Every structure is written in C-alpha cells, then in structure tokens.
Amino acid sequence: MRKISWHCLCGLLCALFALPVAAQNFPEKPITLVVPYTAGGATDVAMRALADAMGRQLGQRVIVENR
C-alpha cells in the first residue's frame, strides 16, 4: 500500500512540472527540411511542394535546405 502512494506522488509531481512545457507553442522556430540532393532536381521540386503544404498546414515557415 505504501508503494502505491509513493508512485502516485511521483506521478503527480511529474505532471505538475510538465504543465509549463505543455503551454509552449509548437514550433516556435522555422522548420528546416534537409534534402540530401542538389537543387533543381525532381527531389528538390517535390520537397519544395511538400514544404509549402506543411507550411500552410502548420502555420509556420518551412525552409528547404539542399546539401
């Protein structure tokens, strides 16, 4: 019985510490989408279309970076 109350107390403390984290907006910074191919190829065009759709859906800027 004593172990159960100890676990409940630990769970409650973890939940209380997580409250400020839950209040943050996601994402706060622009999202970077890394494409491992050169610019101008078919993969680049597809990833830029995906980044545009992601940006509209998330309401956040998505940057495509070719490496």
PDB file of N, CA and C in Angstrom:
ATOM      1  N   MET A   1       0.828  -1.190   0.000  1.00  0.00           N
ATOM      2  CA  MET A   1       0.000   0.000   0.000  1.00  0.00           C
ATOM      3  C   MET A   1       0.869   1.250   0.000  1.00  0.00           C
ATOM      4  N   ARG A   2       1.969   1.205   0.716  1.00  0.00           N
ATOM      5  CA  ARG A   2       2.840   2.369   0.800  1.00  0.00           C
ATOM      6  C   ARG A   2       3.499   2.662  -0.544  1.00  0.00           C
ATOM      7  N   LYS A   3       3.853   1.611  -1.322  1.00  0.00           N
ATOM      8  CA  LYS A   3       4.463   1.816  -2.633  1.00  0.00           C
ATOM      9  C   LYS A   3       3.493   2.500  -3.595  1.00  0.00           C
ATOM     10  N   ILE A   4       2.242   2.151  -3.532  1.00  0.00           N
ATOM     11  CA  ILE A   4       1.263   2.746  -4.432  1.00  0.00           C
ATOM     12  C   ILE A   4       1.160   4.248  -4.184  1.00  0.00           C
ATOM     13  N   SER A   5       1.123   4.674  -2.956  1.00  0.00           N
ATOM     14  CA  SER A   5       1.010   6.101  -2.674  1.00  0.00           C
ATOM     15  C   SER A   5       2.284   6.847  -3.090  1.00  0.00           C
ATOM     16  N   TRP A   6       3.441   6.210  -2.954  1.00  0.00           N
ATOM     17  CA  TRP A   6       4.699   6.824  -3.379  1.00  0.00           C
ATOM     18  C   TRP A   6       4.714   7.021  -4.895  1.00  0.00           C
ATOM     19  N   HIS A   7       4.240   6.039  -5.634  1.00  0.00           N
ATOM     20  CA  HIS A   7       4.188   6.154  -7.090  1.00  0.00           C
ATOM     21  C   HIS A   7       3.180   7.220  -7.522  1.00  0.00           C
ATOM     22  N   CYS A   8       2.078   7.307  -6.828  1.00  0.00           N
ATOM     23  CA  CYS A   8       1.089   8.342  -7.142  1.00  0.00           C
ATOM     24  C   CYS A   8       1.656   9.737  -6.898  1.00  0.00           C
ATOM     25  N   LEU A   9       2.394   9.891  -5.818  1.00  0.00           N
ATOM     26  CA  LEU A   9       3.010  11.175  -5.512  1.00  0.00           C
ATOM     27  C   LEU A   9       4.038  11.556  -6.575  1.00  0.00           C
ATOM     28  N   CYS A  10       4.851  10.602  -7.002  1.00  0.00           N
ATOM     29  CA  CYS A  10       5.849  10.874  -8.056  1.00  0.00           C
ATOM     30  C   CYS A  10       5.161  11.247  -9.364  1.00  0.00           C
ATOM     31  N   GLY A  11       4.088  10.548  -9.699  1.00  0.00           N
ATOM     32  CA  GLY A  11       3.347  10.859 -10.924  1.00  0.00           C
ATOM     33  C   GLY A  11       2.729  12.237 -10.886  1.00  0.00           C
ATOM     34  N   LEU A  12       2.199  12.614  -9.734  1.00  0.00           N
ATOM     35  CA  LEU A  12       1.610  13.937  -9.581  1.00  0.00           C
ATOM     36  C   LEU A  12       2.663  15.033  -9.720  1.00  0.00           C
ATOM     37  N   LEU A  13       3.830  14.821  -9.125  1.00  0.00           N
ATOM     38  CA  LEU A  13       4.907  15.808  -9.239  1.00  0.00           C
ATOM     39  C   LEU A  13       5.385  15.946 -10.672  1.00  0.00           C
ATOM     40  N   CYS A  14       5.499  14.835 -11.382  1.00  0.00           N
ATOM     41  CA  CYS A  14       5.908  14.899 -12.791  1.00  0.00           C
ATOM     42  C   CYS A  14       4.884  15.663 -13.622  1.00  0.00           C
ATOM     43  N   ALA A  15       3.609  15.442 -13.346  1.00  0.00           N
ATOM     44  CA  ALA A  15       2.559  16.148 -14.086  1.00  0.00           C
ATOM     45  C   ALA A  15       2.596  17.650 -13.801  1.00  0.00           C
ATOM     46  N   LEU A  16       2.869  18.024 -12.564  1.00  0.00           N
ATOM     47  CA  LEU A  16       2.933  19.446 -12.223  1.00  0.00           C
ATOM     48  C   LEU A  16       4.112  20.139 -12.891  1.00  0.00           C
ATOM     49  N   PHE A  17       5.249  19.446 -12.983  1.00  0.00           N
ATOM     50  CA  PHE A  17       6.408  20.043 -13.637  1.00  0.00           C
ATOM     51  C   PHE A  17       6.238  20.112 -15.147  1.00  0.00           C
ATOM     52  N   ALA A  18       5.386  19.289 -15.722  1.00  0.00           N
ATOM     53  CA  ALA A  18       5.182  19.273 -17.165  1.00  0.00           C
ATOM     54  C   ALA A  18       4.207  20.359 -17.629  1.00  0.00           C
ATOM     55  N   LEU A  19       3.454  20.975 -16.741  1.00  0.00           N
ATOM     56  CA  LEU A  19       2.474  21.984 -17.138  1.00  0.00           C
ATOM     57  C   LEU A  19       3.078  23.176 -17.883  1.00  0.00           C
ATOM     58  N   PRO A  20       4.186  23.774 -17.429  1.00  0.00           N
ATOM     59  CA  PRO A  20       4.740  24.904 -18.195  1.00  0.00           C
ATOM     60  C   PRO A  20       5.227  24.496 -19.581  1.00  0.00           C
ATOM     61  N   VAL A  21       5.683  23.280 -19.733  1.00  0.00           N
ATOM     62  CA  VAL A  21       6.157  22.809 -21.032  1.00  0.00           C
ATOM     63  C   VAL A  21       4.984  22.641 -21.986  1.00  0.00           C
ATOM     64  N   ALA A  22       3.868  22.197 -21.490  1.00  0.00           N
ATOM     65  CA  ALA A  22       2.699  21.982 -22.334  1.00  0.00           C
ATOM     66  C   ALA A  22       2.129  23.298 -22.865  1.00  0.00           C
ATOM     67  N   ALA A  23       2.431  24.410 -22.242  1.00  0.00           N
ATOM     68  CA  ALA A  23       1.884  25.691 -22.650  1.00  0.00           C
ATOM     69  C   ALA A  23       2.630  26.314 -23.822  1.00  0.00           C
ATOM     70  N   GLN A  24       3.784  25.783 -24.194  1.00  0.00           N
ATOM     71  CA  GLN A  24       4.558  26.362 -25.279  1.00  0.00           C
ATOM     72  C   GLN A  24       3.935  26.019 -26.628  1.00  0.00           C
ATOM     73  N   ASN A  25       4.039  26.955 -27.573  1.00  0.00           N
ATOM     74  CA  ASN A  25       3.546  26.710 -28.921  1.00  0.00           C
ATOM     75  C   ASN A  25       4.569  25.910 -29.702  1.00  0.00           C
ATOM     76  N   PHE A  26       4.085  25.022 -30.561  1.00  0.00           N
ATOM     77  CA  PHE A  26       4.978  24.255 -31.417  1.00  0.00           C
ATOM     78  C   PHE A  26       4.670  24.598 -32.840  1.00  0.00           C
ATOM     79  N   PRO A  27       5.584  24.730 -33.662  1.00  0.00           N
ATOM     80  CA  PRO A  27       7.000  25.009 -33.455  1.00  0.00           C
ATOM     81  C   PRO A  27       7.217  26.495 -33.267  1.00  0.00           C
ATOM     82  N   GLU A  28       8.205  26.845 -32.494  1.00  0.00           N
ATOM     83  CA  GLU A  28       8.498  28.253 -32.242  1.00  0.00           C
ATOM     84  C   GLU A  28       9.429  28.839 -33.294  1.00  0.00           C
ATOM     85  N   LYS A  29      10.268  28.009 -33.892  1.00  0.00           N
ATOM     86  CA  LYS A  29      11.234  28.461 -34.890  1.00  0.00           C
ATOM     87  C   LYS A  29      10.843  27.893 -36.252  1.00  0.00           C
ATOM     88  N   PRO A  30      11.386  28.452 -37.341  1.00  0.00           N
ATOM     89  CA  PRO A  30      11.117  27.867 -38.660  1.00  0.00           C
ATOM     90  C   PRO A  30      11.630  26.427 -38.729  1.00  0.00           C
ATOM     91  N   ILE A  31      10.908  25.596 -39.459  1.00  0.00           N
ATOM     92  CA  ILE A  31      11.285  24.204 -39.633  1.00  0.00           C
ATOM     93  C   ILE A  31      12.223  24.109 -40.829  1.00  0.00           C
ATOM     94  N   THR A  32      13.331  23.382 -40.690  1.00  0.00           N
ATOM     95  CA  THR A  32      14.271  23.188 -41.786  1.00  0.00           C
ATOM     96  C   THR A  32      14.136  21.763 -42.304  1.00  0.00           C
ATOM     97  N   LEU A  33      13.815  21.644 -43.568  1.00  0.00           N
ATOM     98  CA  LEU A  33      13.687  20.353 -44.232  1.00  0.00           C
ATOM     99  C   LEU A  33      14.959  20.136 -45.042  1.00  0.00           C
ATOM    100  N   VAL A  34      15.790  19.185 -44.638  1.00  0.00           N
ATOM    101  CA  VAL A  34      17.078  18.937 -45.293  1.00  0.00           C
ATOM    102  C   VAL A  34      16.878  17.914 -46.401  1.00  0.00           C
ATOM    103  N   VAL A  35      17.269  18.309 -47.633  1.00  0.00           N
ATOM    104  CA  VAL A  35      17.184  17.432 -48.802  1.00  0.00           C
ATOM    105  C   VAL A  35      18.608  17.032 -49.173  1.00  0.00           C
ATOM    106  N   PRO A  36      18.928  15.737 -49.198  1.00  0.00           N
ATOM    107  CA  PRO A  36      20.313  15.312 -49.445  1.00  0.00           C
ATOM    108  C   PRO A  36      20.712  15.294 -50.918  1.00  0.00           C
ATOM    109  N   TYR A  37      19.989  16.004 -51.768  1.00  0.00           N
ATOM    110  CA  TYR A  37      20.305  16.047 -53.191  1.00  0.00           C
ATOM    111  C   TYR A  37      20.485  17.487 -53.640  1.00  0.00           C
ATOM    112  N   THR A  38      21.032  17.678 -54.839  1.00  0.00           N
ATOM    113  CA  THR A  38      21.292  19.020 -55.348  1.00  0.00           C
ATOM    114  C   THR A  38      19.987  19.727 -55.711  1.00  0.00           C
ATOM    115  N   ALA A  39      20.074  21.046 -55.759  1.00  0.00           N
ATOM    116  CA  ALA A  39      18.903  21.860 -56.088  1.00  0.00           C
ATOM    117  C   ALA A  39      18.551  21.717 -57.559  1.00  0.00           C
ATOM    118  N   GLY A  40      17.268  21.791 -57.878  1.00  0.00           N
ATOM    119  CA  GLY A  40      16.817  21.757 -59.262  1.00  0.00           C
ATOM    120  C   GLY A  40      16.379  20.391 -59.744  1.00  0.00           C
ATOM    121  N   GLY A  41      16.606  19.352 -58.988  1.00  0.00           N
ATOM    122  CA  GLY A  41      16.204  18.010 -59.393  1.00  0.00           C
ATOM    123  C   GLY A  41      14.755  17.724 -59.034  1.00  0.00           C
ATOM    124  N   ALA A  42      14.321  16.527 -59.374  1.00  0.00           N
ATOM    125  CA  ALA A  42      12.942  16.124 -59.103  1.00  0.00           C
ATOM    126  C   ALA A  42      12.684  16.050 -57.597  1.00  0.00           C
ATOM    127  N   THR A  43      13.677  15.599 -56.841  1.00  0.00           N
ATOM    128  CA  THR A  43      13.518  15.512 -55.393  1.00  0.00           C
ATOM    129  C   THR A  43      13.361  16.896 -54.786  1.00  0.00           C
ATOM    130  N   ASP A  44      14.126  17.855 -55.289  1.00  0.00           N
ATOM    131  CA  ASP A  44      14.041  19.228 -54.782  1.00  0.00           C
ATOM    132  C   ASP A  44      12.660  19.820 -55.051  1.00  0.00           C
ATOM    133  N   VAL A  45      12.130  19.612 -56.238  1.00  0.00           N
ATOM    134  CA  VAL A  45      10.816  20.137 -56.591  1.00  0.00           C
ATOM    135  C   VAL A  45       9.743  19.513 -55.706  1.00  0.00           C
ATOM    136  N   ALA A  46       9.833  18.194 -55.478  1.00  0.00           N
ATOM    137  CA  ALA A  46       8.845  17.508 -54.640  1.00  0.00           C
ATOM    138  C   ALA A  46       8.931  17.986 -53.191  1.00  0.00           C
ATOM    139  N   MET A  47      10.139  18.180 -52.684  1.00  0.00           N
ATOM    140  CA  MET A  47      10.297  18.619 -51.296  1.00  0.00           C
ATOM    141  C   MET A  47       9.836  20.059 -51.110  1.00  0.00           C
ATOM    142  N   ARG A  48      10.009  20.898 -52.124  1.00  0.00           N
ATOM    143  CA  ARG A  48       9.521  22.279 -52.018  1.00  0.00           C
ATOM    144  C   ARG A  48       7.989  22.314 -52.011  1.00  0.00           C
ATOM    145  N   ALA A  49       7.363  21.431 -52.795  1.00  0.00           N
ATOM    146  CA  ALA A  49       5.897  21.342 -52.765  1.00  0.00           C
ATOM    147  C   ALA A  49       5.433  20.824 -51.403  1.00  0.00           C
ATOM    148  N   LEU A  50       6.149  19.839 -50.859  1.00  0.00           N
ATOM    149  CA  LEU A  50       5.822  19.317 -49.539  1.00  0.00           C
ATOM    150  C   LEU A  50       6.004  20.388 -48.467  1.00  0.00           C
ATOM    151  N   ALA A  51       7.088  21.164 -48.561  1.00  0.00           N
ATOM    152  CA  ALA A  51       7.343  22.230 -47.592  1.00  0.00           C
ATOM    153  C   ALA A  51       6.257  23.296 -47.647  1.00  0.00           C
ATOM    154  N   ASP A  52       5.775  23.605 -48.849  1.00  0.00           N
ATOM    155  CA  ASP A  52       4.704  24.583 -48.982  1.00  0.00           C
ATOM    156  C   ASP A  52       3.422  24.080 -48.323  1.00  0.00           C
ATOM    157  N   ALA A  53       3.087  22.818 -48.548  1.00  0.00           N
ATOM    158  CA  ALA A  53       1.886  22.241 -47.930  1.00  0.00           C
ATOM    159  C   ALA A  53       2.033  22.156 -46.414  1.00  0.00           C
ATOM    160  N   MET A  54       3.219  21.781 -45.949  1.00  0.00           N
ATOM    161  CA  MET A  54       3.461  21.708 -44.498  1.00  0.00           C
ATOM    162  C   MET A  54       3.327  23.086 -43.864  1.00  0.00           C
ATOM    163  N   GLY A  55       3.873  24.098 -44.529  1.00  0.00           N
ATOM    164  CA  GLY A  55       3.805  25.459 -44.000  1.00  0.00           C
ATOM    165  C   GLY A  55       2.386  25.959 -43.863  1.00  0.00           C
ATOM    166  N   ARG A  56       1.548  25.662 -44.872  1.00  0.00           N
ATOM    167  CA  ARG A  56       0.147  26.073 -44.790  1.00  0.00           C
ATOM    168  C   ARG A  56      -0.592  25.307 -43.696  1.00  0.00           C
ATOM    169  N   GLN A  57      -0.296  24.021 -43.564  1.00  0.00           N
ATOM    170  CA  GLN A  57      -0.986  23.200 -42.573  1.00  0.00           C
ATOM    171  C   GLN A  57      -0.595  23.577 -41.142  1.00  0.00           C
ATOM    172  N   LEU A  58       0.706  23.804 -40.916  1.00  0.00           N
ATOM    173  CA  LEU A  58       1.200  24.102 -39.579  1.00  0.00           C
ATOM    174  C   LEU A  58       1.130  25.585 -39.223  1.00  0.00           C
ATOM    175  N   GLY A  59       1.014  26.436 -40.230  1.00  0.00           N
ATOM    176  CA  GLY A  59       1.031  27.866 -39.962  1.00  0.00           C
ATOM    177  C   GLY A  59       2.411  28.361 -39.573  1.00  0.00           C
ATOM    178  N   GLN A  60       3.426  27.695 -40.082  1.00  0.00           N
ATOM    179  CA  GLN A  60       4.819  28.004 -39.743  1.00  0.00           C
ATOM    180  C   GLN A  60       5.654  27.956 -41.012  1.00  0.00           C
ATOM    181  N   ARG A  61       6.717  28.732 -41.048  1.00  0.00           N
ATOM    182  CA  ARG A  61       7.606  28.758 -42.197  1.00  0.00           C
ATOM    183  C   ARG A  61       8.430  27.481 -42.261  1.00  0.00           C
ATOM    184  N   VAL A  62       8.523  26.869 -43.443  1.00  0.00           N
ATOM    185  CA  VAL A  62       9.333  25.666 -43.658  1.00  0.00           C
ATOM    186  C   VAL A  62      10.389  26.007 -44.685  1.00  0.00           C
ATOM    187  N   ILE A  63      11.653  25.805 -44.329  1.00  0.00           N
ATOM    188  CA  ILE A  63      12.784  26.126 -45.181  1.00  0.00           C
ATOM    189  C   ILE A  63      13.343  24.831 -45.776  1.00  0.00           C
ATOM    190  N   VAL A  64      13.551  24.798 -47.085  1.00  0.00           N
ATOM    191  CA  VAL A  64      14.155  23.641 -47.741  1.00  0.00           C
ATOM    192  C   VAL A  64      15.638  23.928 -47.908  1.00  0.00           C
ATOM    193  N   GLU A  65      16.468  23.029 -47.383  1.00  0.00           N
ATOM    194  CA  GLU A  65      17.915  23.187 -47.458  1.00  0.00           C
ATOM    195  C   GLU A  65      18.506  21.992 -48.190  1.00  0.00           C
ATOM    196  N   ASN A  66      19.148  22.264 -49.324  1.00  0.00           N
ATOM    197  CA  ASN A  66      19.783  21.209 -50.119  1.00  0.00           C
ATOM    198  C   ASN A  66      21.225  21.044 -49.689  1.00  0.00           C
ATOM    199  N   ARG A  67      21.622  19.809 -49.416  1.00  0.00           N
ATOM    200  CA  ARG A  67      23.015  19.540 -49.013  1.00  0.00           C
ATOM    201  C   ARG A  67      23.597  18.451 -49.867  1.00  0.00           C
TER     202      ARG A  67
END
